[in-house]
Amino acid sequence: MITVQQTPAPRRQLNLATRHQLTAAGVPDGTITSRSRTGGPWQRLLPRVYLLQTGPPDHRQRALAAVLYAAEPTADPLSGDTAALTGGAALALLGIREAPYTGHTPDTPADVLIRAPRRLTGTPEVRPLPTSRWPRTMTVSGIPSTRPVRAAADFAARTQDPDRIRSTLAHVVQAGWCHPDDLHAELRAARLLTRPPIRAAAAELLAGVRSIAEAQARDTLITTDLPTPLWNARLYTPDGTFLASPDAYWPDEGVALEIDSAEYHYTRDAWHATLRRRLRLESHGILVVSATPSMIRDTPTEVIAALRTLLTLAATRAAPPTAQARGHQQLPLPYPLLDRG
């Protein structure tokens, strides 16, 4: 009797194996076919890719199955040398909430890079993307993937919704997965900056914008005669203690705009943290305008009027704010990753 233990690949591959790996381990073709029939102990997830269990696959197994399907049959599929997850599927593994969990429906195939000029027939679950610019890869949750900067660029290249592009790129940078300068360079290398929505999103990130709500606020401010603020500037007290990082900050006037979403304030602790942050800012002479994303979107004139009033008041006050702005900086990577290549 042939057992899973006789085939080493599943132990490394989330209980998945290709037909090539199974036959190389001595499993006859007839056994593979019989075991993967409806009701059998194995499941055929994709052409030549099998799940050696009876339960349904989770999103990690679906993602790895896409890589196994796209990898060269004789290569180690976990090496990231011949196939690597990219685009929304790779971003979803990193927890980017704007990226869909791809590979579940025909509307969201998982994007997998393969080396050009090799060609591979796609399936409803997998979209092979031949590329002559093979990137450095890494392993995320056991799955060979492109680095976040390349995954974000590949996602933008195949997304038509400007708001989705804007929001996803902002989340990738905000989460600390890449620096906006590196993302801009990747978009330029992929010749994507010729597309207005991508060029606009990249410019916002270079300016310091880190969310779609901030981007909408920037759109609104650009149409006014108000001074240009710093976005996500890090403010420090005179002794060098970190104070806060408001969404927008006017250093000459000492005025801050804080965009606080209801989603973030679902808990009592989160709401108290926001109030404490505002108290810290005001204790150092900074005037604060608070608004929600819906206010920015639906009633921008009220937000602008409040900012205009505080900027005017700040220009006449005798005591300037004591905080010092030092720009914004990249966040540390939130998860340990295994780099490859």
C-alpha atoms as a PDB file:
ATOM      1  CA  MET A   1       0.000   0.000   0.000  1.00  0.00           C
ATOM      2  CA  ILE A   2       1.349   3.413  -0.979  1.00  0.00           C
ATOM      3  CA  THR A   3       1.203   6.044   1.739  1.00  0.00           C
ATOM      4  CA  VAL A   4       1.796   9.782   1.775  1.00  0.00           C
ATOM      5  CA  GLN A   5       4.945   9.110   3.798  1.00  0.00           C
ATOM      6  CA  GLN A   6       6.461   7.404   0.753  1.00  0.00           C
ATOM      7  CA  THR A   7       6.299  10.679  -1.189  1.00  0.00           C
ATOM      8  CA  PRO A   8       8.555  13.321   0.411  1.00  0.00           C
ATOM      9  CA  ALA A   9       7.154  16.346  -1.471  1.00  0.00           C
ATOM     10  CA  PRO A  10       3.877  16.697   0.504  1.00  0.00           C
ATOM     11  CA  ARG A  11       5.749  17.091   3.792  1.00  0.00           C
ATOM     12  CA  ARG A  12       7.397  20.232   2.369  1.00  0.00           C
ATOM     13  CA  GLN A  13       4.471  21.445   0.287  1.00  0.00           C
ATOM     14  CA  LEU A  14       1.434  21.777   2.575  1.00  0.00           C
ATOM     15  CA  ASN A  15       0.238  18.271   1.652  1.00  0.00           C
ATOM     16  CA  LEU A  16       0.433  19.025  -2.072  1.00  0.00           C
ATOM     17  CA  ALA A  17       2.302  17.215  -4.840  1.00  0.00           C
ATOM     18  CA  THR A  18       2.585  17.305  -8.600  1.00  0.00           C
ATOM     19  CA  ARG A  19       2.060  14.271 -10.802  1.00  0.00           C
ATOM     20  CA  HIS A  20       5.774  14.407 -11.707  1.00  0.00           C
ATOM     21  CA  GLN A  21       6.747  14.279  -8.010  1.00  0.00           C
ATOM     22  CA  LEU A  22       4.376  11.412  -7.283  1.00  0.00           C
ATOM     23  CA  THR A  23       5.538   9.282 -10.201  1.00  0.00           C
ATOM     24  CA  ALA A  24       9.185  10.061  -9.365  1.00  0.00           C
ATOM     25  CA  ALA A  25       8.455   8.703  -5.861  1.00  0.00           C
ATOM     26  CA  GLY A  26       7.148   5.470  -7.381  1.00  0.00           C
ATOM     27  CA  VAL A  27       3.409   6.102  -7.317  1.00  0.00           C
ATOM     28  CA  PRO A  28       1.871   4.529 -10.452  1.00  0.00           C
ATOM     29  CA  ASP A  29      -0.200   6.707 -12.783  1.00  0.00           C
ATOM     30  CA  GLY A  30      -3.195   4.449 -12.247  1.00  0.00           C
ATOM     31  CA  THR A  31      -3.015   4.935  -8.485  1.00  0.00           C
ATOM     32  CA  ILE A  32      -2.899   8.716  -8.864  1.00  0.00           C
ATOM     33  CA  THR A  33      -5.930   8.631 -11.151  1.00  0.00           C
ATOM     34  CA  SER A  34      -7.974   6.326  -8.934  1.00  0.00           C
ATOM     35  CA  ARG A  35      -7.192   8.145  -5.713  1.00  0.00           C
ATOM     36  CA  SER A  36      -8.112  11.550  -7.169  1.00  0.00           C
ATOM     37  CA  ARG A  37     -11.523  10.471  -8.455  1.00  0.00           C
ATOM     38  CA  THR A  38     -14.602  12.048  -6.877  1.00  0.00           C
ATOM     39  CA  GLY A  39     -14.909  10.731  -3.329  1.00  0.00           C
ATOM     40  CA  GLY A  40     -11.328   9.492  -3.266  1.00  0.00           C
ATOM     41  CA  PRO A  41      -8.722  10.332  -0.616  1.00  0.00           C
ATOM     42  CA  TRP A  42      -6.907  12.803  -2.902  1.00  0.00           C
ATOM     43  CA  GLN A  43      -8.122  15.828  -4.837  1.00  0.00           C
ATOM     44  CA  ARG A  44      -6.989  17.198  -8.191  1.00  0.00           C
ATOM     45  CA  LEU A  45      -6.819  20.953  -7.588  1.00  0.00           C
ATOM     46  CA  LEU A  46      -5.219  21.886 -10.911  1.00  0.00           C
ATOM     47  CA  PRO A  47      -3.902  19.986 -13.916  1.00  0.00           C
ATOM     48  CA  ARG A  48      -1.068  17.778 -12.582  1.00  0.00           C
ATOM     49  CA  VAL A  49      -1.429  19.168  -9.028  1.00  0.00           C
ATOM     50  CA  TYR A  50      -2.960  17.082  -6.222  1.00  0.00           C
ATOM     51  CA  LEU A  51      -4.008  17.704  -2.636  1.00  0.00           C
ATOM     52  CA  LEU A  52      -3.355  14.559  -0.619  1.00  0.00           C
ATOM     53  CA  GLN A  53      -6.179  14.981   1.856  1.00  0.00           C
ATOM     54  CA  THR A  54      -9.966  14.740   1.904  1.00  0.00           C
ATOM     55  CA  GLY A  55     -10.718  18.126   3.492  1.00  0.00           C
ATOM     56  CA  PRO A  56     -11.016  21.351   1.470  1.00  0.00           C
ATOM     57  CA  PRO A  57      -7.837  23.336   0.750  1.00  0.00           C
ATOM     58  CA  ASP A  58      -7.189  26.565   2.599  1.00  0.00           C
ATOM     59  CA  HIS A  59      -6.007  29.758   0.909  1.00  0.00           C
ATOM     60  CA  ARG A  60      -2.332  28.889   1.458  1.00  0.00           C
ATOM     61  CA  GLN A  61      -2.749  25.518  -0.234  1.00  0.00           C
ATOM     62  CA  ARG A  62      -4.557  27.132  -3.167  1.00  0.00           C
ATOM     63  CA  ALA A  63      -1.769  29.674  -3.522  1.00  0.00           C
ATOM     64  CA  LEU A  64       0.961  27.030  -3.414  1.00  0.00           C
ATOM     65  CA  ALA A  65      -0.982  24.856  -5.862  1.00  0.00           C
ATOM     66  CA  ALA A  66      -0.799  27.725  -8.372  1.00  0.00           C
ATOM     67  CA  VAL A  67       2.999  27.835  -7.986  1.00  0.00           C
ATOM     68  CA  LEU A  68       3.294  24.041  -8.338  1.00  0.00           C
ATOM     69  CA  TYR A  69       1.251  24.187 -11.533  1.00  0.00           C
ATOM     70  CA  ALA A  70       3.435  26.937 -13.006  1.00  0.00           C
ATOM     71  CA  ALA A  71       6.872  25.663 -11.933  1.00  0.00           C
ATOM     72  CA  GLU A  72       9.104  23.683 -14.267  1.00  0.00           C
ATOM     73  CA  PRO A  73       8.166  20.015 -13.691  1.00  0.00           C
ATOM     74  CA  THR A  74      11.726  18.894 -12.932  1.00  0.00           C
ATOM     75  CA  ALA A  75      12.658  21.926 -10.792  1.00  0.00           C
ATOM     76  CA  ASP A  76      12.211  22.325  -7.046  1.00  0.00           C
ATOM     77  CA  PRO A  77       8.977  24.388  -6.971  1.00  0.00           C
ATOM     78  CA  LEU A  78       9.832  25.842  -3.563  1.00  0.00           C
ATOM     79  CA  SER A  79      13.070  27.397  -4.835  1.00  0.00           C
ATOM     80  CA  GLY A  80      11.346  30.365  -6.461  1.00  0.00           C
ATOM     81  CA  ASP A  81      13.595  29.907  -9.500  1.00  0.00           C
ATOM     82  CA  THR A  82      10.984  28.974 -12.105  1.00  0.00           C
ATOM     83  CA  ALA A  83       7.677  30.163 -10.595  1.00  0.00           C
ATOM     84  CA  ALA A  84       6.725  32.688  -7.919  1.00  0.00           C
ATOM     85  CA  LEU A  85       3.420  34.045  -6.690  1.00  0.00           C
ATOM     86  CA  THR A  86       2.927  37.756  -7.376  1.00  0.00           C
ATOM     87  CA  GLY A  87       0.247  40.443  -7.607  1.00  0.00           C
ATOM     88  CA  GLY A  88      -2.802  40.329  -5.364  1.00  0.00           C
ATOM     89  CA  ALA A  89      -2.251  36.701  -4.349  1.00  0.00           C
ATOM     90  CA  ALA A  90       1.213  37.500  -2.951  1.00  0.00           C
ATOM     91  CA  LEU A  91      -0.021  40.666  -1.238  1.00  0.00           C
ATOM     92  CA  ALA A  92      -2.910  38.767   0.371  1.00  0.00           C
ATOM     93  CA  LEU A  93      -0.401  36.397   2.002  1.00  0.00           C
ATOM     94  CA  LEU A  94       1.201  39.449   3.623  1.00  0.00           C
ATOM     95  CA  GLY A  95      -2.128  40.578   5.043  1.00  0.00           C
ATOM     96  CA  ILE A  96      -2.733  43.493   2.681  1.00  0.00           C
ATOM     97  CA  ARG A  97      -6.473  43.738   3.180  1.00  0.00           C
ATOM     98  CA  GLU A  98      -7.148  45.555  -0.078  1.00  0.00           C
ATOM     99  CA  ALA A  99      -5.714  42.639  -2.054  1.00  0.00           C
ATOM    100  CA  PRO A 100      -8.210  39.847  -2.750  1.00  0.00           C
ATOM    101  CA  TYR A 101      -7.561  36.266  -1.720  1.00  0.00           C
ATOM    102  CA  THR A 102      -7.028  35.141  -5.273  1.00  0.00           C
ATOM    103  CA  GLY A 103      -7.373  31.748  -6.873  1.00  0.00           C
ATOM    104  CA  HIS A 104     -10.787  31.064  -5.339  1.00  0.00           C
ATOM    105  CA  THR A 105     -12.969  31.985  -8.326  1.00  0.00           C
ATOM    106  CA  PRO A 106     -12.548  32.439 -12.075  1.00  0.00           C
ATOM    107  CA  ASP A 107     -12.792  36.196 -11.488  1.00  0.00           C
ATOM    108  CA  THR A 108      -9.656  36.235  -9.318  1.00  0.00           C
ATOM    109  CA  PRO A 109      -6.943  33.987 -10.764  1.00  0.00           C
ATOM    110  CA  ALA A 110      -3.666  33.865  -8.885  1.00  0.00           C
ATOM    111  CA  ASP A 111      -0.868  35.632 -10.769  1.00  0.00           C
ATOM    112  CA  VAL A 112       2.308  33.536 -11.004  1.00  0.00           C
ATOM    113  CA  LEU A 113       5.511  34.710 -12.663  1.00  0.00           C
ATOM    114  CA  ILE A 114       7.347  32.324 -14.980  1.00  0.00           C
ATOM    115  CA  ARG A 115      10.535  32.958 -16.912  1.00  0.00           C
ATOM    116  CA  ALA A 116      10.135  34.206 -20.474  1.00  0.00           C
ATOM    117  CA  PRO A 117      10.123  32.947 -23.166  1.00  0.00           C
ATOM    118  CA  ARG A 118       8.472  29.944 -21.544  1.00  0.00           C
ATOM    119  CA  ARG A 119       4.723  29.787 -22.133  1.00  0.00           C
ATOM    120  CA  LEU A 120       2.109  28.037 -20.041  1.00  0.00           C
ATOM    121  CA  THR A 121      -1.613  27.662 -20.553  1.00  0.00           C
ATOM    122  CA  GLY A 122      -3.601  29.483 -17.884  1.00  0.00           C
ATOM    123  CA  THR A 123      -6.555  28.116 -15.965  1.00  0.00           C
ATOM    124  CA  PRO A 124      -9.514  29.834 -14.280  1.00  0.00           C
ATOM    125  CA  GLU A 125      -7.474  29.671 -11.060  1.00  0.00           C
ATOM    126  CA  VAL A 126      -3.982  30.541 -12.355  1.00  0.00           C
ATOM    127  CA  ARG A 127      -2.738  33.334 -14.609  1.00  0.00           C
ATOM    128  CA  PRO A 128       0.882  32.642 -15.698  1.00  0.00           C
ATOM    129  CA  LEU A 129       2.848  35.840 -16.360  1.00  0.00           C
ATOM    130  CA  PRO A 130       6.009  35.350 -18.444  1.00  0.00           C
ATOM    131  CA  THR A 131       8.675  37.926 -17.577  1.00  0.00           C
ATOM    132  CA  SER A 132      12.198  38.703 -18.707  1.00  0.00           C
ATOM    133  CA  ARG A 133      12.772  40.723 -15.479  1.00  0.00           C
ATOM    134  CA  TRP A 134      13.033  37.871 -13.013  1.00  0.00           C
ATOM    135  CA  PRO A 135      12.916  39.334  -9.491  1.00  0.00           C
ATOM    136  CA  ARG A 136      14.473  38.323  -6.223  1.00  0.00           C
ATOM    137  CA  THR A 137      12.016  36.070  -4.425  1.00  0.00           C
ATOM    138  CA  MET A 138      11.241  35.100  -0.855  1.00  0.00           C
ATOM    139  CA  THR A 139       9.186  32.503   0.981  1.00  0.00           C
ATOM    140  CA  VAL A 140       5.988  33.662   2.697  1.00  0.00           C
ATOM    141  CA  SER A 141       4.094  31.079   4.727  1.00  0.00           C
ATOM    142  CA  GLY A 142       5.891  28.334   2.790  1.00  0.00           C
ATOM    143  CA  ILE A 143       5.046  29.776  -0.638  1.00  0.00           C
ATOM    144  CA  PRO A 144       7.608  31.196  -3.118  1.00  0.00           C
ATOM    145  CA  SER A 145       6.597  34.793  -3.760  1.00  0.00           C
ATOM    146  CA  THR A 146       7.944  37.962  -5.261  1.00  0.00           C
ATOM    147  CA  ARG A 147       8.981  40.705  -2.896  1.00  0.00           C
ATOM    148  CA  PRO A 148       6.171  43.107  -1.931  1.00  0.00           C
ATOM    149  CA  VAL A 149       7.479  45.885  -4.182  1.00  0.00           C
ATOM    150  CA  ARG A 150       7.254  43.655  -7.270  1.00  0.00           C
ATOM    151  CA  ALA A 151       3.943  42.127  -6.174  1.00  0.00           C
ATOM    152  CA  ALA A 152       2.478  45.621  -5.782  1.00  0.00           C
ATOM    153  CA  ALA A 153       3.666  46.656  -9.242  1.00  0.00           C
ATOM    154  CA  ASP A 154       2.274  43.485 -10.831  1.00  0.00           C
ATOM    155  CA  PHE A 155      -1.025  44.066  -9.017  1.00  0.00           C
ATOM    156  CA  ALA A 156      -1.249  47.635 -10.320  1.00  0.00           C
ATOM    157  CA  ALA A 157      -0.413  46.525 -13.857  1.00  0.00           C
ATOM    158  CA  ARG A 158      -3.473  44.270 -13.983  1.00  0.00           C
ATOM    159  CA  THR A 159      -5.982  46.399 -12.075  1.00  0.00           C
ATOM    160  CA  GLN A 160      -8.269  48.871 -13.795  1.00  0.00           C
ATOM    161  CA  ASP A 161      -9.912  50.465 -10.748  1.00  0.00           C
ATOM    162  CA  PRO A 162      -7.945  53.644  -9.872  1.00  0.00           C
ATOM    163  CA  ASP A 163      -9.186  53.616  -6.261  1.00  0.00           C
ATOM    164  CA  ARG A 164      -8.128  49.992  -5.790  1.00  0.00           C
ATOM    165  CA  ILE A 165      -4.672  50.800  -7.180  1.00  0.00           C
ATOM    166  CA  ARG A 166      -4.387  53.841  -4.944  1.00  0.00           C
ATOM    167  CA  SER A 167      -5.552  52.045  -1.817  1.00  0.00           C
ATOM    168  CA  THR A 168      -3.489  48.881  -2.308  1.00  0.00           C
ATOM    169  CA  LEU A 169      -0.224  50.681  -3.053  1.00  0.00           C
ATOM    170  CA  ALA A 170      -0.795  52.897  -0.028  1.00  0.00           C
ATOM    171  CA  HIS A 171      -1.397  49.887   2.222  1.00  0.00           C
ATOM    172  CA  VAL A 172       1.790  48.189   1.003  1.00  0.00           C
ATOM    173  CA  VAL A 173       3.845  51.256   1.922  1.00  0.00           C
ATOM    174  CA  GLN A 174       1.931  52.020   5.130  1.00  0.00           C
ATOM    175  CA  ALA A 175       2.491  48.465   6.375  1.00  0.00           C
ATOM    176  CA  GLY A 176       6.218  48.953   5.846  1.00  0.00           C
ATOM    177  CA  TRP A 177       6.632  46.300   3.145  1.00  0.00           C
ATOM    178  CA  CYS A 178       8.467  48.689   0.843  1.00  0.00           C
ATOM    179  CA  HIS A 179       9.691  52.272   0.673  1.00  0.00           C
ATOM    180  CA  PRO A 180       7.845  54.641  -1.694  1.00  0.00           C
ATOM    181  CA  ASP A 181      11.096  55.396  -3.524  1.00  0.00           C
ATOM    182  CA  ASP A 182      11.633  51.692  -4.213  1.00  0.00           C
ATOM    183  CA  LEU A 183       8.032  51.276  -5.359  1.00  0.00           C
ATOM    184  CA  HIS A 184       8.367  54.256  -7.687  1.00  0.00           C
ATOM    185  CA  ALA A 185      11.554  52.760  -9.152  1.00  0.00           C
ATOM    186  CA  GLU A 186       9.826  49.394  -9.693  1.00  0.00           C
ATOM    187  CA  LEU A 187       6.849  51.034 -11.389  1.00  0.00           C
ATOM    188  CA  ARG A 188       9.221  52.969 -13.623  1.00  0.00           C
ATOM    189  CA  ALA A 189      11.197  49.832 -14.513  1.00  0.00           C
ATOM    190  CA  ALA A 190       7.929  48.102 -15.438  1.00  0.00           C
ATOM    191  CA  ARG A 191       6.960  51.131 -17.581  1.00  0.00           C
ATOM    192  CA  LEU A 192       3.780  51.601 -15.590  1.00  0.00           C
ATOM    193  CA  LEU A 193       4.192  55.307 -14.828  1.00  0.00           C
ATOM    194  CA  THR A 194       2.745  56.088 -18.248  1.00  0.00           C
ATOM    195  CA  ARG A 195      -0.668  55.097 -16.828  1.00  0.00           C
ATOM    196  CA  PRO A 196      -2.223  58.164 -15.130  1.00  0.00           C
ATOM    197  CA  PRO A 197      -3.825  56.321 -12.159  1.00  0.00           C
ATOM    198  CA  ILE A 198      -0.561  54.554 -11.311  1.00  0.00           C
ATOM    199  CA  ARG A 199       1.522  57.694 -11.815  1.00  0.00           C
ATOM    200  CA  ALA A 200      -0.819  59.654  -9.527  1.00  0.00           C
ATOM    201  CA  ALA A 201      -0.745  56.978  -6.823  1.00  0.00           C
ATOM    202  CA  ALA A 202       3.055  56.827  -6.941  1.00  0.00           C
ATOM    203  CA  ALA A 203       3.320  60.615  -6.686  1.00  0.00           C
ATOM    204  CA  GLU A 204       1.077  60.638  -3.617  1.00  0.00           C
ATOM    205  CA  LEU A 205       3.263  58.069  -1.888  1.00  0.00           C
ATOM    206  CA  LEU A 206       6.409  60.066  -2.657  1.00  0.00           C
ATOM    207  CA  ALA A 207       4.689  63.076  -1.074  1.00  0.00           C
ATOM    208  CA  GLY A 208       4.115  61.070   2.108  1.00  0.00           C
ATOM    209  CA  VAL A 209       0.474  60.028   1.664  1.00  0.00           C
ATOM    210  CA  ARG A 210      -0.185  56.619   3.218  1.00  0.00           C
ATOM    211  CA  SER A 211      -3.919  55.888   2.793  1.00  0.00           C
ATOM    212  CA  ILE A 212      -6.740  56.498   0.364  1.00  0.00           C
ATOM    213  CA  ALA A 213      -8.382  58.858   2.877  1.00  0.00           C
ATOM    214  CA  GLU A 214      -5.169  60.915   2.957  1.00  0.00           C
ATOM    215  CA  ALA A 215      -5.046  60.811  -0.839  1.00  0.00           C
ATOM    216  CA  GLN A 216      -8.588  62.168  -1.026  1.00  0.00           C
ATOM    217  CA  ALA A 217      -7.655  64.885   1.462  1.00  0.00           C
ATOM    218  CA  ARG A 218      -4.637  65.763  -0.672  1.00  0.00           C
ATOM    219  CA  ASP A 219      -6.854  65.962  -3.760  1.00  0.00           C
ATOM    220  CA  THR A 220      -9.095  68.388  -1.914  1.00  0.00           C
ATOM    221  CA  LEU A 221      -6.252  70.531  -0.564  1.00  0.00           C
ATOM    222  CA  ILE A 222      -4.609  70.830  -3.973  1.00  0.00           C
ATOM    223  CA  THR A 223      -7.686  72.661  -5.270  1.00  0.00           C
ATOM    224  CA  THR A 224      -7.426  75.333  -2.542  1.00  0.00           C
ATOM    225  CA  ASP A 225      -5.021  78.186  -1.810  1.00  0.00           C
ATOM    226  CA  LEU A 226      -3.973  76.646   1.519  1.00  0.00           C
ATOM    227  CA  PRO A 227      -0.257  76.008   2.087  1.00  0.00           C
ATOM    228  CA  THR A 228       1.069  72.560   1.209  1.00  0.00           C
ATOM    229  CA  PRO A 229       1.393  70.373   4.330  1.00  0.00           C
ATOM    230  CA  LEU A 230       3.802  67.605   5.206  1.00  0.00           C
ATOM    231  CA  TRP A 231       2.180  64.181   5.085  1.00  0.00           C
ATOM    232  CA  ASN A 232       2.846  61.757   7.951  1.00  0.00           C
ATOM    233  CA  ALA A 233       5.610  63.920   9.365  1.00  0.00           C
ATOM    234  CA  ARG A 234       7.144  62.606  12.574  1.00  0.00           C
ATOM    235  CA  LEU A 235       6.965  65.244  15.307  1.00  0.00           C
ATOM    236  CA  TYR A 236       9.388  65.393  18.226  1.00  0.00           C
ATOM    237  CA  THR A 237       9.619  67.446  21.384  1.00  0.00           C
ATOM    238  CA  PRO A 238      12.655  69.724  21.843  1.00  0.00           C
ATOM    239  CA  ASP A 239      14.409  67.001  23.865  1.00  0.00           C
ATOM    240  CA  GLY A 240      14.030  64.489  20.994  1.00  0.00           C
ATOM    241  CA  THR A 241      11.082  62.509  22.350  1.00  0.00           C
ATOM    242  CA  PHE A 242       8.683  61.264  19.675  1.00  0.00           C
ATOM    243  CA  LEU A 243       5.357  63.064  19.936  1.00  0.00           C
ATOM    244  CA  ALA A 244       3.031  61.902  17.138  1.00  0.00           C
ATOM    245  CA  SER A 245       2.738  61.538  13.373  1.00  0.00           C
ATOM    246  CA  PRO A 246      -0.345  63.437  12.170  1.00  0.00           C
ATOM    247  CA  ASP A 247      -1.759  62.679   8.736  1.00  0.00           C
ATOM    248  CA  ALA A 248      -1.074  66.226   7.514  1.00  0.00           C
ATOM    249  CA  TYR A 249       0.970  68.925   9.263  1.00  0.00           C
ATOM    250  CA  TRP A 250       1.683  72.582   8.546  1.00  0.00           C
ATOM    251  CA  PRO A 251       5.005  73.192  10.355  1.00  0.00           C
ATOM    252  CA  ASP A 252       5.090  76.983  10.005  1.00  0.00           C
ATOM    253  CA  GLU A 253       1.645  77.378  11.527  1.00  0.00           C
ATOM    254  CA  GLY A 254       1.653  74.364  13.870  1.00  0.00           C
ATOM    255  CA  VAL A 255      -1.636  72.974  12.561  1.00  0.00           C
ATOM    256  CA  ALA A 256      -2.390  69.269  12.116  1.00  0.00           C
ATOM    257  CA  LEU A 257      -5.095  67.344  10.281  1.00  0.00           C
ATOM    258  CA  GLU A 258      -5.996  63.979  11.803  1.00  0.00           C
ATOM    259  CA  ILE A 259      -8.134  61.599   9.716  1.00  0.00           C
ATOM    260  CA  ASP A 260      -9.681  59.100  12.145  1.00  0.00           C
ATOM    261  CA  SER A 261     -11.776  56.264  10.745  1.00  0.00           C
ATOM    262  CA  ALA A 262     -14.668  54.711  12.668  1.00  0.00           C
ATOM    263  CA  GLU A 263     -13.200  51.267  11.887  1.00  0.00           C
ATOM    264  CA  TYR A 264     -10.094  52.067  13.903  1.00  0.00           C
ATOM    265  CA  HIS A 265     -12.154  53.355  16.835  1.00  0.00           C
ATOM    266  CA  TYR A 266     -14.326  50.309  17.359  1.00  0.00           C
ATOM    267  CA  THR A 267     -12.640  49.663  20.713  1.00  0.00           C
ATOM    268  CA  ARG A 268     -12.515  51.853  23.787  1.00  0.00           C
ATOM    269  CA  ASP A 269      -8.709  51.580  23.962  1.00  0.00           C
ATOM    270  CA  ALA A 270      -8.303  52.766  20.371  1.00  0.00           C
ATOM    271  CA  TRP A 271     -10.536  55.758  20.982  1.00  0.00           C
ATOM    272  CA  HIS A 272      -8.632  56.669  24.154  1.00  0.00           C
ATOM    273  CA  ALA A 273      -5.321  56.344  22.263  1.00  0.00           C
ATOM    274  CA  THR A 274      -6.577  58.860  19.698  1.00  0.00           C
ATOM    275  CA  LEU A 275      -7.655  61.306  22.398  1.00  0.00           C
ATOM    276  CA  ARG A 276      -4.301  60.969  24.166  1.00  0.00           C
ATOM    277  CA  ARG A 277      -2.470  61.617  20.897  1.00  0.00           C
ATOM    278  CA  ARG A 278      -4.518  64.775  20.361  1.00  0.00           C
ATOM    279  CA  LEU A 279      -3.811  65.938  23.919  1.00  0.00           C
ATOM    280  CA  ARG A 280      -0.066  65.437  23.356  1.00  0.00           C
ATOM    281  CA  LEU A 281      -0.214  67.519  20.187  1.00  0.00           C
ATOM    282  CA  GLU A 282      -2.233  70.311  21.802  1.00  0.00           C
ATOM    283  CA  SER A 283       0.008  70.351  24.885  1.00  0.00           C
ATOM    284  CA  HIS A 284       2.870  71.355  22.565  1.00  0.00           C
ATOM    285  CA  GLY A 285       0.937  74.164  20.930  1.00  0.00           C
ATOM    286  CA  ILE A 286      -0.339  72.285  17.869  1.00  0.00           C
ATOM    287  CA  LEU A 287      -3.873  73.069  16.714  1.00  0.00           C
ATOM    288  CA  VAL A 288      -5.716  69.973  15.514  1.00  0.00           C
ATOM    289  CA  VAL A 289      -8.562  69.478  13.045  1.00  0.00           C
ATOM    290  CA  SER A 290     -10.098  65.994  13.287  1.00  0.00           C
ATOM    291  CA  ALA A 291     -12.149  64.491  10.454  1.00  0.00           C
ATOM    292  CA  THR A 292     -13.334  61.075   9.310  1.00  0.00           C
ATOM    293  CA  PRO A 293     -12.741  59.699   5.790  1.00  0.00           C
ATOM    294  CA  SER A 294     -16.452  60.204   5.047  1.00  0.00           C
ATOM    295  CA  MET A 295     -16.161  63.885   5.995  1.00  0.00           C
ATOM    296  CA  ILE A 296     -13.224  64.271   3.636  1.00  0.00           C
ATOM    297  CA  ARG A 297     -15.253  62.593   0.904  1.00  0.00           C
ATOM    298  CA  ASP A 298     -18.742  64.027   1.492  1.00  0.00           C
ATOM    299  CA  THR A 299     -18.274  67.416   3.173  1.00  0.00           C
ATOM    300  CA  PRO A 300     -14.781  68.597   2.208  1.00  0.00           C
ATOM    301  CA  THR A 301     -15.759  72.299   2.355  1.00  0.00           C
ATOM    302  CA  GLU A 302     -16.377  72.009   6.116  1.00  0.00           C
ATOM    303  CA  VAL A 303     -12.961  70.431   6.668  1.00  0.00           C
ATOM    304  CA  ILE A 304     -11.273  73.097   4.546  1.00  0.00           C
ATOM    305  CA  ALA A 305     -13.107  75.859   6.424  1.00  0.00           C
ATOM    306  CA  ALA A 306     -11.912  74.486   9.768  1.00  0.00           C
ATOM    307  CA  LEU A 307      -8.324  74.221   8.510  1.00  0.00           C
ATOM    308  CA  ARG A 308      -8.442  77.726   7.069  1.00  0.00           C
ATOM    309  CA  THR A 309      -9.650  79.122  10.408  1.00  0.00           C
ATOM    310  CA  LEU A 310      -6.911  77.413  12.429  1.00  0.00           C
ATOM    311  CA  LEU A 311      -4.188  78.341   9.936  1.00  0.00           C
ATOM    312  CA  THR A 312      -5.303  81.992  10.196  1.00  0.00           C
ATOM    313  CA  LEU A 313      -5.394  81.890  14.002  1.00  0.00           C
ATOM    314  CA  ALA A 314      -1.981  80.227  14.148  1.00  0.00           C
ATOM    315  CA  ALA A 315      -0.412  82.993  12.097  1.00  0.00           C
ATOM    316  CA  THR A 316      -1.324  85.579  14.754  1.00  0.00           C
ATOM    317  CA  ARG A 317      -0.467  83.746  17.957  1.00  0.00           C
ATOM    318  CA  ALA A 318       2.562  84.811  19.936  1.00  0.00           C
ATOM    319  CA  ALA A 319       3.903  81.429  21.046  1.00  0.00           C
ATOM    320  CA  PRO A 320       4.904  79.058  18.218  1.00  0.00           C
ATOM    321  CA  PRO A 321       4.518  75.290  18.699  1.00  0.00           C
ATOM    322  CA  THR A 322       7.409  73.530  20.414  1.00  0.00           C
ATOM    323  CA  ALA A 323       7.277  70.366  18.268  1.00  0.00           C
ATOM    324  CA  GLN A 324       9.787  69.772  15.486  1.00  0.00           C
ATOM    325  CA  ALA A 325       8.917  67.955  12.255  1.00  0.00           C
ATOM    326  CA  ARG A 326      11.456  65.535  10.792  1.00  0.00           C
ATOM    327  CA  GLY A 327       9.572  64.177   7.799  1.00  0.00           C
ATOM    328  CA  HIS A 328       8.342  60.594   7.543  1.00  0.00           C
ATOM    329  CA  GLN A 329      10.240  57.337   7.606  1.00  0.00           C
ATOM    330  CA  GLN A 330       9.690  53.749   6.533  1.00  0.00           C
ATOM    331  CA  LEU A 331       8.173  51.372   9.071  1.00  0.00           C
ATOM    332  CA  PRO A 332      10.024  48.176   9.962  1.00  0.00           C
ATOM    333  CA  LEU A 333       8.887  44.982   8.251  1.00  0.00           C
ATOM    334  CA  PRO A 334       6.115  43.528  10.433  1.00  0.00           C
ATOM    335  CA  TYR A 335       6.794  39.828   9.786  1.00  0.00           C
ATOM    336  CA  PRO A 336       9.945  37.722   9.603  1.00  0.00           C
ATOM    337  CA  LEU A 337      10.615  36.694   6.023  1.00  0.00           C
ATOM    338  CA  LEU A 338      13.017  34.277   4.369  1.00  0.00           C
ATOM    339  CA  ASP A 339      14.757  35.971   1.449  1.00  0.00           C
ATOM    340  CA  ARG A 340      15.807  33.988  -1.555  1.00  0.00           C
ATOM    341  CA  GLY A 341      18.277  34.877  -4.263  1.00  0.00           C
END
